[in-house]
Amino acid sequence: MPLSPVKYFYISNDYLKCKKLKLGLVLNHAEVNFEIWLLGQTKDVQEKYWNLLKNTKWVQGDKIPQYSVFEASLVKDPNFDDLDKLTKDLKKKFLTVADEILDSLKKLN
């Protein structure tokens, strides 16, 4: 059985839940980097937010990703030889970018 091209954890809060959204912390094996994905509960929710976020820093281009509203890189070429530093850097970057995503979503209302 082939390995999945990504490994992920879902993260959510009350705001995201009421919008039927969640964030994913993703290890993309093919590109060897960590990413943050905005995910919709259904394909309709995904398409709704993709259209709302079109032409923002989050959504560029004209093709929606298969599994997410958008995907953004957090840590490229992670150094797995220093897990403490990688964990610290990943946590800091994830929290910063997650806050930016939430701010962008709140401005849509």
C-alpha atoms as a PDB file:
ATOM      1  CA  MET A   1       0.000   0.000   0.000  1.00  0.00           C
ATOM      2  CA  PRO A   2       1.544   3.369  -1.007  1.00  0.00           C
ATOM      3  CA  LEU A   3       2.066   6.054   1.595  1.00  0.00           C
ATOM      4  CA  SER A   4      -0.241   9.055   1.646  1.00  0.00           C
ATOM      5  CA  PRO A   5       1.378  12.077  -0.032  1.00  0.00           C
ATOM      6  CA  VAL A   6       0.442  14.175   3.030  1.00  0.00           C
ATOM      7  CA  LYS A   7       0.045  13.768   6.772  1.00  0.00           C
ATOM      8  CA  TYR A   8      -2.130  16.251   8.622  1.00  0.00           C
ATOM      9  CA  PHE A   9      -3.765  17.413  11.835  1.00  0.00           C
ATOM     10  CA  TYR A  10      -7.008  19.360  11.960  1.00  0.00           C
ATOM     11  CA  ILE A  11      -7.272  22.452  14.139  1.00  0.00           C
ATOM     12  CA  SER A  12     -10.477  24.364  14.737  1.00  0.00           C
ATOM     13  CA  ASN A  13     -12.173  26.821  17.054  1.00  0.00           C
ATOM     14  CA  ASP A  14     -15.746  27.999  17.578  1.00  0.00           C
ATOM     15  CA  TYR A  15     -15.470  30.677  14.883  1.00  0.00           C
ATOM     16  CA  LEU A  16     -14.243  28.234  12.245  1.00  0.00           C
ATOM     17  CA  LYS A  17     -16.781  25.601  13.279  1.00  0.00           C
ATOM     18  CA  CYS A  18     -19.708  27.983  12.825  1.00  0.00           C
ATOM     19  CA  LYS A  19     -18.410  28.716   9.304  1.00  0.00           C
ATOM     20  CA  LYS A  20     -17.978  24.961   8.625  1.00  0.00           C
ATOM     21  CA  LEU A  21     -14.226  25.470   8.238  1.00  0.00           C
ATOM     22  CA  LYS A  22     -11.078  24.127   9.847  1.00  0.00           C
ATOM     23  CA  LEU A  23      -7.350  24.537   9.489  1.00  0.00           C
ATOM     24  CA  GLY A  24      -5.007  21.723   8.617  1.00  0.00           C
ATOM     25  CA  LEU A  25      -1.371  21.480   9.598  1.00  0.00           C
ATOM     26  CA  VAL A  26      -0.004  19.417   6.735  1.00  0.00           C
ATOM     27  CA  LEU A  27       3.292  17.680   6.053  1.00  0.00           C
ATOM     28  CA  ASN A  28       3.524  17.513   2.272  1.00  0.00           C
ATOM     29  CA  HIS A  29       5.832  14.556   1.588  1.00  0.00           C
ATOM     30  CA  ALA A  30       6.203  15.244  -2.133  1.00  0.00           C
ATOM     31  CA  GLU A  31       7.434  18.810  -1.597  1.00  0.00           C
ATOM     32  CA  VAL A  32       9.026  18.117   1.806  1.00  0.00           C
ATOM     33  CA  ASN A  33       7.478  21.069   3.573  1.00  0.00           C
ATOM     34  CA  PHE A  34       4.886  21.950   6.151  1.00  0.00           C
ATOM     35  CA  GLU A  35       1.774  23.764   4.996  1.00  0.00           C
ATOM     36  CA  ILE A  36      -1.372  25.252   6.450  1.00  0.00           C
ATOM     37  CA  TRP A  37      -4.602  24.492   4.617  1.00  0.00           C
ATOM     38  CA  LEU A  38      -8.002  26.085   5.016  1.00  0.00           C
ATOM     39  CA  LEU A  39     -10.535  23.280   4.680  1.00  0.00           C
ATOM     40  CA  GLY A  40     -14.269  23.341   4.113  1.00  0.00           C
ATOM     41  CA  GLN A  41     -16.624  20.804   5.676  1.00  0.00           C
ATOM     42  CA  THR A  42     -18.065  20.096   2.212  1.00  0.00           C
ATOM     43  CA  LYS A  43     -17.084  20.852  -1.367  1.00  0.00           C
ATOM     44  CA  ASP A  44     -19.778  23.582  -1.456  1.00  0.00           C
ATOM     45  CA  VAL A  45     -18.255  25.317   1.596  1.00  0.00           C
ATOM     46  CA  GLN A  46     -14.809  24.980   0.079  1.00  0.00           C
ATOM     47  CA  GLU A  47     -15.949  26.582  -3.181  1.00  0.00           C
ATOM     48  CA  LYS A  48     -17.808  29.372  -1.341  1.00  0.00           C
ATOM     49  CA  TYR A  49     -14.716  30.470   0.588  1.00  0.00           C
ATOM     50  CA  TRP A  50     -12.431  29.991  -2.401  1.00  0.00           C
ATOM     51  CA  ASN A  51     -14.609  32.443  -4.332  1.00  0.00           C
ATOM     52  CA  LEU A  52     -14.824  34.871  -1.394  1.00  0.00           C
ATOM     53  CA  LEU A  53     -11.037  34.850  -0.971  1.00  0.00           C
ATOM     54  CA  LYS A  54     -10.235  35.070  -4.691  1.00  0.00           C
ATOM     55  CA  ASN A  55      -7.618  37.679  -5.515  1.00  0.00           C
ATOM     56  CA  THR A  56      -6.444  37.922  -1.915  1.00  0.00           C
ATOM     57  CA  LYS A  57      -3.002  36.856  -0.739  1.00  0.00           C
ATOM     58  CA  TRP A  58      -4.522  33.435  -0.025  1.00  0.00           C
ATOM     59  CA  VAL A  59      -6.181  32.587  -3.339  1.00  0.00           C
ATOM     60  CA  GLN A  60      -4.397  33.345  -6.584  1.00  0.00           C
ATOM     61  CA  GLY A  61      -5.077  31.719  -9.911  1.00  0.00           C
ATOM     62  CA  ASP A  62      -8.180  30.140 -11.278  1.00  0.00           C
ATOM     63  CA  LYS A  63      -8.021  26.540 -10.059  1.00  0.00           C
ATOM     64  CA  ILE A  64      -9.340  25.484  -6.666  1.00  0.00           C
ATOM     65  CA  PRO A  65      -7.244  22.869  -4.856  1.00  0.00           C
ATOM     66  CA  GLN A  66      -8.728  19.383  -4.696  1.00  0.00           C
ATOM     67  CA  TYR A  67      -8.904  19.096  -0.900  1.00  0.00           C
ATOM     68  CA  SER A  68      -8.809  22.655   0.451  1.00  0.00           C
ATOM     69  CA  VAL A  69      -9.846  26.248  -0.020  1.00  0.00           C
ATOM     70  CA  PHE A  70      -6.153  27.146  -0.245  1.00  0.00           C
ATOM     71  CA  GLU A  71      -2.742  25.910   0.828  1.00  0.00           C
ATOM     72  CA  ALA A  72       0.098  28.076   2.146  1.00  0.00           C
ATOM     73  CA  SER A  73       3.660  27.072   2.945  1.00  0.00           C
ATOM     74  CA  LEU A  74       4.829  27.319   6.557  1.00  0.00           C
ATOM     75  CA  VAL A  75       8.281  25.687   6.675  1.00  0.00           C
ATOM     76  CA  LYS A  76      10.147  24.688   3.529  1.00  0.00           C
ATOM     77  CA  ASP A  77      12.867  22.049   3.701  1.00  0.00           C
ATOM     78  CA  PRO A  78      12.361  21.294   7.420  1.00  0.00           C
ATOM     79  CA  ASN A  79      15.409  20.147   9.360  1.00  0.00           C
ATOM     80  CA  PHE A  80      14.316  16.924  11.034  1.00  0.00           C
ATOM     81  CA  ASP A  81      17.736  16.607  12.673  1.00  0.00           C
ATOM     82  CA  ASP A  82      16.827  19.407  15.118  1.00  0.00           C
ATOM     83  CA  LEU A  83      13.273  18.547  16.182  1.00  0.00           C
ATOM     84  CA  ASP A  84      13.171  21.045  19.052  1.00  0.00           C
ATOM     85  CA  LYS A  85      13.951  23.969  16.747  1.00  0.00           C
ATOM     86  CA  LEU A  86      11.643  22.641  14.029  1.00  0.00           C
ATOM     87  CA  THR A  87       8.779  22.314  16.511  1.00  0.00           C
ATOM     88  CA  LYS A  88       9.349  25.821  17.867  1.00  0.00           C
ATOM     89  CA  ASP A  89       9.598  27.368  14.383  1.00  0.00           C
ATOM     90  CA  LEU A  90       6.579  25.468  13.082  1.00  0.00           C
ATOM     91  CA  LYS A  91       4.416  26.401  16.062  1.00  0.00           C
ATOM     92  CA  LYS A  92       5.354  30.082  15.799  1.00  0.00           C
ATOM     93  CA  LYS A  93       4.739  30.218  12.044  1.00  0.00           C
ATOM     94  CA  PHE A  94       1.477  28.256  12.299  1.00  0.00           C
ATOM     95  CA  LEU A  95       0.055  30.569  14.966  1.00  0.00           C
ATOM     96  CA  THR A  96       1.058  33.690  13.034  1.00  0.00           C
ATOM     97  CA  VAL A  97      -0.410  32.504   9.733  1.00  0.00           C
ATOM     98  CA  ALA A  98      -3.542  31.088  11.410  1.00  0.00           C
ATOM     99  CA  ASP A  99      -4.192  34.518  12.944  1.00  0.00           C
ATOM    100  CA  GLU A 100      -3.759  36.144   9.520  1.00  0.00           C
ATOM    101  CA  ILE A 101      -6.219  33.667   7.987  1.00  0.00           C
ATOM    102  CA  LEU A 102      -8.782  34.287  10.737  1.00  0.00           C
ATOM    103  CA  ASP A 103      -8.415  38.053  10.280  1.00  0.00           C
ATOM    104  CA  SER A 104      -9.002  37.670   6.536  1.00  0.00           C
ATOM    105  CA  LEU A 105     -12.097  35.541   7.138  1.00  0.00           C
ATOM    106  CA  LYS A 106     -13.526  38.008   9.643  1.00  0.00           C
ATOM    107  CA  LYS A 107     -13.135  40.849   7.135  1.00  0.00           C
ATOM    108  CA  LEU A 108     -15.439  38.977   4.758  1.00  0.00           C
ATOM    109  CA  ASN A 109     -18.402  39.569   7.097  1.00  0.00           C
END
